Amino acid sequence: MTQAAQWMCSPCGFIYDETVGMPEDGIPAGTPFESIPDDWECPDCGVGKADFFRVPD
């Protein structure tokens, strides 16, 4: 089993935490970043998934 990760938005620093998800946006806790829809955008600055990087463990 893969360990849950955190992903950071390069422009603004927003963190997507796989263990928490974003229930307010319909993304349940435990959802891997790769499984978020491709058209999802950072809720703080609006950039796409391509502008996120995995935070080192």
C-alpha atoms as a PDB file:
ATOM      1  CA  MET A   1       0.000   0.000   0.000  1.00  0.00           C
ATOM      2  CA  THR A   2       1.264   3.447  -0.915  1.00  0.00           C
ATOM      3  CA  GLN A   3       1.652   6.018   1.838  1.00  0.00           C
ATOM      4  CA  ALA A   4      -0.633   9.027   1.545  1.00  0.00           C
ATOM      5  CA  ALA A   5       1.150  12.097   0.249  1.00  0.00           C
ATOM      6  CA  GLN A   6       0.858  15.847   0.334  1.00  0.00           C
ATOM      7  CA  TRP A   7       1.026  17.929  -2.842  1.00  0.00           C
ATOM      8  CA  MET A   8       1.967  21.614  -2.891  1.00  0.00           C
ATOM      9  CA  CYS A   9       0.882  24.259  -5.373  1.00  0.00           C
ATOM     10  CA  SER A  10       4.051  25.857  -6.764  1.00  0.00           C
ATOM     11  CA  PRO A  11       2.657  29.388  -7.196  1.00  0.00           C
ATOM     12  CA  CYS A  12       0.793  29.820  -3.898  1.00  0.00           C
ATOM     13  CA  GLY A  13       1.823  27.047  -1.491  1.00  0.00           C
ATOM     14  CA  PHE A  14      -1.633  25.487  -1.051  1.00  0.00           C
ATOM     15  CA  ILE A  15      -1.338  21.904   0.242  1.00  0.00           C
ATOM     16  CA  TYR A  16      -3.545  19.046  -0.947  1.00  0.00           C
ATOM     17  CA  ASP A  17      -3.352  16.301   1.688  1.00  0.00           C
ATOM     18  CA  GLU A  18      -4.477  12.900   0.415  1.00  0.00           C
ATOM     19  CA  THR A  19      -5.479  11.800   3.935  1.00  0.00           C
ATOM     20  CA  VAL A  20      -7.890  14.740   4.242  1.00  0.00           C
ATOM     21  CA  GLY A  21      -9.095  15.153   0.644  1.00  0.00           C
ATOM     22  CA  MET A  22     -11.384  18.096  -0.080  1.00  0.00           C
ATOM     23  CA  PRO A  23     -14.876  16.963   0.935  1.00  0.00           C
ATOM     24  CA  GLU A  24     -16.257  20.448   0.258  1.00  0.00           C
ATOM     25  CA  ASP A  25     -15.282  19.926  -3.399  1.00  0.00           C
ATOM     26  CA  GLY A  26     -16.540  16.334  -3.570  1.00  0.00           C
ATOM     27  CA  ILE A  27     -13.079  14.776  -3.105  1.00  0.00           C
ATOM     28  CA  PRO A  28     -13.299  12.316  -0.193  1.00  0.00           C
ATOM     29  CA  ALA A  29     -10.523  11.700   2.319  1.00  0.00           C
ATOM     30  CA  GLY A  30      -8.031   9.139   1.054  1.00  0.00           C
ATOM     31  CA  THR A  31      -8.256  10.228  -2.598  1.00  0.00           C
ATOM     32  CA  PRO A  32      -4.827  10.041  -4.290  1.00  0.00           C
ATOM     33  CA  PHE A  33      -3.795  13.211  -6.120  1.00  0.00           C
ATOM     34  CA  GLU A  34      -3.617  11.216  -9.361  1.00  0.00           C
ATOM     35  CA  SER A  35      -7.328  10.368  -9.000  1.00  0.00           C
ATOM     36  CA  ILE A  36      -8.499  13.980  -8.774  1.00  0.00           C
ATOM     37  CA  PRO A  37     -10.135  15.060 -12.066  1.00  0.00           C
ATOM     38  CA  ASP A  38      -7.684  16.537 -14.586  1.00  0.00           C
ATOM     39  CA  ASP A  39      -9.666  19.784 -14.748  1.00  0.00           C
ATOM     40  CA  TRP A  40      -9.376  20.347 -10.967  1.00  0.00           C
ATOM     41  CA  GLU A  41      -7.818  23.692 -10.032  1.00  0.00           C
ATOM     42  CA  CYS A  42      -6.080  25.000  -6.930  1.00  0.00           C
ATOM     43  CA  PRO A  43      -8.809  26.488  -4.725  1.00  0.00           C
ATOM     44  CA  ASP A  44      -6.542  29.373  -3.706  1.00  0.00           C
ATOM     45  CA  CYS A  45      -4.988  30.543  -6.993  1.00  0.00           C
ATOM     46  CA  GLY A  46      -6.695  28.619  -9.816  1.00  0.00           C
ATOM     47  CA  VAL A  47      -3.723  26.837 -11.422  1.00  0.00           C
ATOM     48  CA  GLY A  48      -4.068  23.272 -12.678  1.00  0.00           C
ATOM     49  CA  LYS A  49      -2.725  19.977 -11.355  1.00  0.00           C
ATOM     50  CA  ALA A  50       0.451  20.307 -13.459  1.00  0.00           C
ATOM     51  CA  ASP A  51       1.585  23.123 -11.148  1.00  0.00           C
ATOM     52  CA  PHE A  52       1.595  20.874  -8.059  1.00  0.00           C
ATOM     53  CA  PHE A  53       4.551  18.862  -6.794  1.00  0.00           C
ATOM     54  CA  ARG A  54       4.732  16.073  -4.258  1.00  0.00           C
ATOM     55  CA  VAL A  55       6.050  17.186  -0.878  1.00  0.00           C
ATOM     56  CA  PRO A  56       8.966  14.903   0.089  1.00  0.00           C
ATOM     57  CA  ASP A  57       8.179  12.495   2.920  1.00  0.00           C
END
